[in-house]
N, C-alpha and C. Protein backbone atom coordinates (compact mmCIF):
# COMPACT_ATOMS: atom_id res chain seq x y z
N MET A 1 32.75 0.84 15.47
CA MET A 1 31.42 1.32 15.81
C MET A 1 30.95 0.63 17.07
N ASN A 2 30.34 1.43 17.94
CA ASN A 2 29.80 0.82 19.15
C ASN A 2 28.32 0.48 18.94
N ASP A 3 27.77 -0.30 19.87
CA ASP A 3 26.39 -0.76 19.74
C ASP A 3 25.38 0.38 19.68
N LYS A 4 25.59 1.43 20.47
CA LYS A 4 24.65 2.56 20.46
C LYS A 4 24.63 3.23 19.10
N GLN A 5 25.80 3.47 18.52
CA GLN A 5 25.85 4.11 17.21
C GLN A 5 25.18 3.22 16.15
N LEU A 6 25.41 1.92 16.22
CA LEU A 6 24.76 1.01 15.28
C LEU A 6 23.24 1.07 15.40
N LEU A 7 22.75 1.03 16.63
CA LEU A 7 21.30 1.10 16.84
C LEU A 7 20.73 2.42 16.35
N ASP A 8 21.44 3.51 16.60
CA ASP A 8 20.99 4.83 16.13
C ASP A 8 20.91 4.86 14.60
N ILE A 9 21.89 4.29 13.94
CA ILE A 9 21.89 4.27 12.48
C ILE A 9 20.73 3.42 11.96
N PHE A 10 20.52 2.25 12.54
CA PHE A 10 19.40 1.42 12.10
C PHE A 10 18.07 2.14 12.31
N LYS A 11 17.92 2.85 13.41
CA LYS A 11 16.68 3.61 13.66
C LYS A 11 16.50 4.70 12.61
N VAL A 12 17.56 5.42 12.31
CA VAL A 12 17.48 6.49 11.31
C VAL A 12 17.07 5.93 9.96
N LEU A 13 17.65 4.81 9.58
CA LEU A 13 17.39 4.23 8.27
C LEU A 13 16.02 3.56 8.17
N SER A 14 15.33 3.40 9.30
CA SER A 14 14.02 2.75 9.28
C SER A 14 12.89 3.69 8.87
N ASN A 15 13.21 4.94 8.59
CA ASN A 15 12.21 5.93 8.17
C ASN A 15 12.43 6.25 6.69
N GLU A 16 11.37 6.17 5.90
CA GLU A 16 11.49 6.37 4.46
C GLU A 16 12.04 7.75 4.08
N SER A 17 11.58 8.79 4.75
CA SER A 17 12.05 10.14 4.43
C SER A 17 13.53 10.31 4.76
N ARG A 18 13.96 9.79 5.89
CA ARG A 18 15.38 9.91 6.26
C ARG A 18 16.24 9.09 5.30
N LEU A 19 15.76 7.94 4.90
CA LEU A 19 16.50 7.12 3.93
C LEU A 19 16.62 7.86 2.60
N LYS A 20 15.54 8.50 2.17
CA LYS A 20 15.59 9.28 0.92
C LYS A 20 16.61 10.41 1.03
N ILE A 21 16.62 11.12 2.14
CA ILE A 21 17.58 12.22 2.33
C ILE A 21 19.00 11.69 2.15
N LEU A 22 19.31 10.58 2.79
CA LEU A 22 20.66 10.02 2.68
C LEU A 22 20.98 9.62 1.25
N GLN A 23 20.00 9.04 0.55
CA GLN A 23 20.21 8.67 -0.84
C GLN A 23 20.41 9.90 -1.71
N TRP A 24 19.59 10.92 -1.53
CA TRP A 24 19.72 12.14 -2.33
C TRP A 24 21.06 12.83 -2.11
N LEU A 25 21.53 12.82 -0.86
CA LEU A 25 22.78 13.51 -0.55
C LEU A 25 24.01 12.77 -1.10
N LYS A 26 23.79 11.55 -1.57
CA LYS A 26 24.90 10.83 -2.22
C LYS A 26 25.29 11.53 -3.51
N GLU A 27 24.28 12.09 -4.21
CA GLU A 27 24.51 12.83 -5.44
C GLU A 27 23.72 14.13 -5.38
N PRO A 28 24.18 15.08 -4.59
CA PRO A 28 23.38 16.29 -4.37
C PRO A 28 23.13 17.12 -5.63
N THR A 29 24.08 17.16 -6.54
CA THR A 29 23.87 17.97 -7.75
C THR A 29 22.80 17.36 -8.67
N LYS A 30 22.56 16.07 -8.54
CA LYS A 30 21.53 15.39 -9.33
C LYS A 30 20.13 15.61 -8.74
N HIS A 31 20.06 15.78 -7.43
CA HIS A 31 18.76 15.81 -6.75
C HIS A 31 18.32 17.17 -6.24
N PHE A 32 19.24 18.14 -6.21
CA PHE A 32 18.91 19.45 -5.65
C PHE A 32 19.37 20.56 -6.60
N PRO A 33 18.73 21.71 -6.51
CA PRO A 33 19.20 22.84 -7.32
C PRO A 33 20.58 23.29 -6.85
N PRO A 34 21.26 24.12 -7.63
CA PRO A 34 22.57 24.60 -7.20
C PRO A 34 22.52 25.20 -5.79
N GLN A 35 23.52 24.88 -5.00
CA GLN A 35 23.59 25.31 -3.61
C GLN A 35 24.71 26.34 -3.45
N GLY A 36 24.84 26.82 -2.25
CA GLY A 36 25.99 27.64 -1.92
C GLY A 36 25.80 29.13 -2.04
N LEU A 37 24.55 29.59 -2.11
CA LEU A 37 24.33 31.04 -2.19
C LEU A 37 24.90 31.75 -0.98
N HIS A 38 24.98 31.06 0.14
CA HIS A 38 25.45 31.67 1.39
C HIS A 38 26.83 31.18 1.79
N VAL A 39 27.42 30.31 0.97
CA VAL A 39 28.72 29.72 1.26
C VAL A 39 29.80 30.45 0.49
N LEU A 40 30.89 30.77 1.15
CA LEU A 40 32.01 31.42 0.48
C LEU A 40 32.63 30.47 -0.53
N GLU A 41 33.08 31.01 -1.65
CA GLU A 41 33.62 30.19 -2.73
C GLU A 41 34.82 29.34 -2.30
N ASP A 42 35.64 29.85 -1.40
CA ASP A 42 36.84 29.11 -0.99
C ASP A 42 36.58 28.20 0.20
N ASP A 43 35.34 28.05 0.61
CA ASP A 43 35.01 27.18 1.73
C ASP A 43 35.18 25.72 1.34
N SER A 44 35.58 24.89 2.29
CA SER A 44 35.84 23.48 2.00
C SER A 44 34.63 22.57 2.22
N PHE A 45 33.47 23.13 2.57
CA PHE A 45 32.29 22.30 2.82
C PHE A 45 31.55 22.05 1.51
N LYS A 46 32.14 21.22 0.67
CA LYS A 46 31.57 20.92 -0.65
C LYS A 46 30.49 19.85 -0.52
N GLY A 47 29.49 19.92 -1.38
CA GLY A 47 28.45 18.92 -1.42
C GLY A 47 27.35 19.12 -0.41
N GLY A 48 27.38 20.25 0.30
CA GLY A 48 26.35 20.52 1.29
C GLY A 48 25.06 21.02 0.65
N VAL A 49 23.94 20.67 1.26
CA VAL A 49 22.63 21.08 0.77
C VAL A 49 21.90 21.80 1.90
N CYS A 50 21.30 22.93 1.57
CA CYS A 50 20.58 23.75 2.54
C CYS A 50 19.31 23.03 3.00
N VAL A 51 18.97 23.22 4.25
CA VAL A 51 17.77 22.61 4.83
C VAL A 51 16.53 22.94 3.99
N GLY A 52 16.43 24.17 3.50
CA GLY A 52 15.28 24.57 2.71
C GLY A 52 15.13 23.75 1.44
N SER A 53 16.23 23.40 0.81
CA SER A 53 16.17 22.57 -0.40
C SER A 53 15.70 21.16 -0.08
N ILE A 54 16.15 20.63 1.04
CA ILE A 54 15.71 19.30 1.46
C ILE A 54 14.22 19.33 1.80
N GLN A 55 13.80 20.38 2.48
CA GLN A 55 12.38 20.53 2.83
C GLN A 55 11.52 20.61 1.58
N ASP A 56 11.94 21.41 0.61
CA ASP A 56 11.18 21.55 -0.64
C ASP A 56 11.01 20.20 -1.34
N LYS A 57 12.08 19.42 -1.38
CA LYS A 57 12.04 18.12 -2.07
C LYS A 57 11.16 17.11 -1.33
N LEU A 58 11.24 17.11 0.00
CA LEU A 58 10.42 16.18 0.78
C LEU A 58 8.95 16.60 0.85
N GLY A 59 8.72 17.90 0.85
CA GLY A 59 7.35 18.40 0.94
C GLY A 59 6.73 18.24 2.32
N ILE A 60 7.56 18.30 3.36
CA ILE A 60 7.06 18.25 4.73
C ILE A 60 7.54 19.49 5.47
N SER A 61 7.09 19.66 6.69
CA SER A 61 7.38 20.89 7.44
C SER A 61 8.88 21.04 7.72
N GLN A 62 9.29 22.29 7.88
CA GLN A 62 10.68 22.60 8.19
C GLN A 62 11.08 21.98 9.53
N SER A 63 10.17 21.99 10.49
CA SER A 63 10.50 21.43 11.81
C SER A 63 10.73 19.92 11.72
N ALA A 64 9.94 19.22 10.91
CA ALA A 64 10.13 17.78 10.74
C ALA A 64 11.46 17.49 10.06
N VAL A 65 11.78 18.26 9.02
CA VAL A 65 13.05 18.07 8.31
C VAL A 65 14.22 18.34 9.26
N SER A 66 14.14 19.41 10.02
CA SER A 66 15.22 19.73 10.97
C SER A 66 15.39 18.61 12.00
N HIS A 67 14.29 18.06 12.47
CA HIS A 67 14.35 16.94 13.42
C HIS A 67 15.03 15.73 12.78
N TYR A 68 14.64 15.39 11.56
CA TYR A 68 15.25 14.27 10.87
C TYR A 68 16.75 14.48 10.69
N LEU A 69 17.13 15.67 10.26
CA LEU A 69 18.55 15.97 10.03
C LEU A 69 19.34 15.90 11.33
N ASP A 70 18.73 16.36 12.41
CA ASP A 70 19.39 16.29 13.72
C ASP A 70 19.62 14.83 14.13
N LEU A 71 18.62 13.99 13.97
CA LEU A 71 18.77 12.56 14.29
C LEU A 71 19.87 11.94 13.44
N MET A 72 19.89 12.28 12.18
CA MET A 72 20.89 11.71 11.27
C MET A 72 22.29 12.19 11.62
N GLN A 73 22.40 13.44 12.04
CA GLN A 73 23.71 13.95 12.43
C GLN A 73 24.17 13.31 13.74
N ARG A 74 23.26 13.17 14.69
CA ARG A 74 23.62 12.52 15.96
C ARG A 74 24.08 11.08 15.75
N ALA A 75 23.50 10.40 14.76
CA ALA A 75 23.91 9.03 14.45
C ALA A 75 25.23 8.99 13.70
N GLY A 76 25.72 10.15 13.28
CA GLY A 76 27.00 10.22 12.59
C GLY A 76 26.90 10.11 11.08
N LEU A 77 25.68 10.07 10.54
CA LEU A 77 25.51 9.91 9.10
C LEU A 77 25.66 11.20 8.31
N LEU A 78 25.51 12.34 8.99
CA LEU A 78 25.61 13.63 8.32
C LEU A 78 26.58 14.55 9.04
N GLU A 79 27.12 15.48 8.28
CA GLU A 79 27.92 16.58 8.79
C GLU A 79 27.17 17.86 8.44
N SER A 80 27.40 18.91 9.23
CA SER A 80 26.73 20.17 8.92
C SER A 80 27.70 21.34 9.05
N ALA A 81 27.32 22.42 8.39
CA ALA A 81 28.06 23.68 8.49
C ALA A 81 27.04 24.80 8.46
N ARG A 82 27.27 25.79 9.29
CA ARG A 82 26.33 26.91 9.40
C ARG A 82 26.97 28.15 8.78
N TYR A 83 26.17 28.85 7.97
CA TYR A 83 26.60 30.08 7.32
C TYR A 83 25.52 31.11 7.61
N GLY A 84 25.77 31.97 8.57
CA GLY A 84 24.75 32.92 8.99
C GLY A 84 23.57 32.18 9.56
N LYS A 85 22.39 32.39 9.00
CA LYS A 85 21.21 31.69 9.51
C LYS A 85 20.89 30.42 8.71
N TRP A 86 21.74 30.04 7.77
CA TRP A 86 21.51 28.87 6.94
C TRP A 86 22.43 27.72 7.36
N THR A 87 21.86 26.53 7.39
CA THR A 87 22.63 25.34 7.71
C THR A 87 22.62 24.40 6.51
N TYR A 88 23.79 23.90 6.18
CA TYR A 88 23.97 22.97 5.08
C TYR A 88 24.39 21.61 5.63
N TYR A 89 23.90 20.56 4.99
CA TYR A 89 24.21 19.19 5.40
C TYR A 89 24.78 18.41 4.24
N ARG A 90 25.66 17.46 4.58
CA ARG A 90 26.19 16.52 3.60
C ARG A 90 26.43 15.19 4.32
N ARG A 91 26.60 14.16 3.52
CA ARG A 91 26.84 12.83 4.09
C ARG A 91 28.20 12.76 4.77
N ASN A 92 28.27 11.98 5.84
CA ASN A 92 29.53 11.67 6.49
C ASN A 92 29.93 10.29 5.97
N ASN A 93 30.66 10.28 4.87
CA ASN A 93 30.98 9.03 4.20
C ASN A 93 31.83 8.09 5.03
N ALA A 94 32.63 8.60 5.95
CA ALA A 94 33.45 7.73 6.80
C ALA A 94 32.54 6.84 7.67
N THR A 95 31.52 7.42 8.25
CA THR A 95 30.59 6.64 9.08
C THR A 95 29.79 5.67 8.22
N ILE A 96 29.34 6.13 7.06
CA ILE A 96 28.56 5.26 6.17
C ILE A 96 29.40 4.06 5.72
N GLU A 97 30.66 4.29 5.40
CA GLU A 97 31.53 3.19 5.00
C GLU A 97 31.80 2.23 6.15
N ALA A 98 31.98 2.75 7.36
CA ALA A 98 32.19 1.88 8.53
C ALA A 98 30.94 1.05 8.81
N PHE A 99 29.77 1.67 8.66
CA PHE A 99 28.52 0.95 8.86
C PHE A 99 28.36 -0.15 7.81
N ALA A 100 28.64 0.18 6.56
CA ALA A 100 28.54 -0.82 5.49
C ALA A 100 29.50 -1.99 5.74
N ALA A 101 30.71 -1.69 6.20
CA ALA A 101 31.67 -2.75 6.50
C ALA A 101 31.16 -3.63 7.64
N TYR A 102 30.58 -3.02 8.65
CA TYR A 102 30.02 -3.78 9.76
C TYR A 102 28.92 -4.71 9.26
N VAL A 103 28.00 -4.19 8.49
CA VAL A 103 26.90 -5.00 7.96
C VAL A 103 27.46 -6.14 7.10
N GLY A 104 28.45 -5.82 6.29
CA GLY A 104 29.03 -6.84 5.41
C GLY A 104 29.78 -7.94 6.12
N THR A 105 30.33 -7.65 7.28
CA THR A 105 31.14 -8.66 7.97
C THR A 105 30.46 -9.28 9.19
N GLU A 106 29.59 -8.53 9.84
CA GLU A 106 29.02 -8.98 11.11
C GLU A 106 27.59 -9.50 11.02
N LEU A 107 26.85 -9.10 9.99
CA LEU A 107 25.46 -9.55 9.88
C LEU A 107 25.29 -10.59 8.79
């Protein structure tokens, strides 16, 4: 991980709503209704949650949720897939694990 990515991750995690999103996406079936109405059954993007479901749970505007998700994706914490006009997000566990290892060894 480079310094810019580390700083971006720390900034993302400093917001309560963004932190909640990341926590909820760790166990999406526990925190969100069934997903995938727009996803093909044989698609490999498992564990993704639609922006609308995240917005409903947070109770804030769609534009704010989209902004948060964009920041989180730019920091490498999320992956996304688009199906028609719907976008689904899930955690990027490789980045989260690398960040955790950095915190555990360097801080």
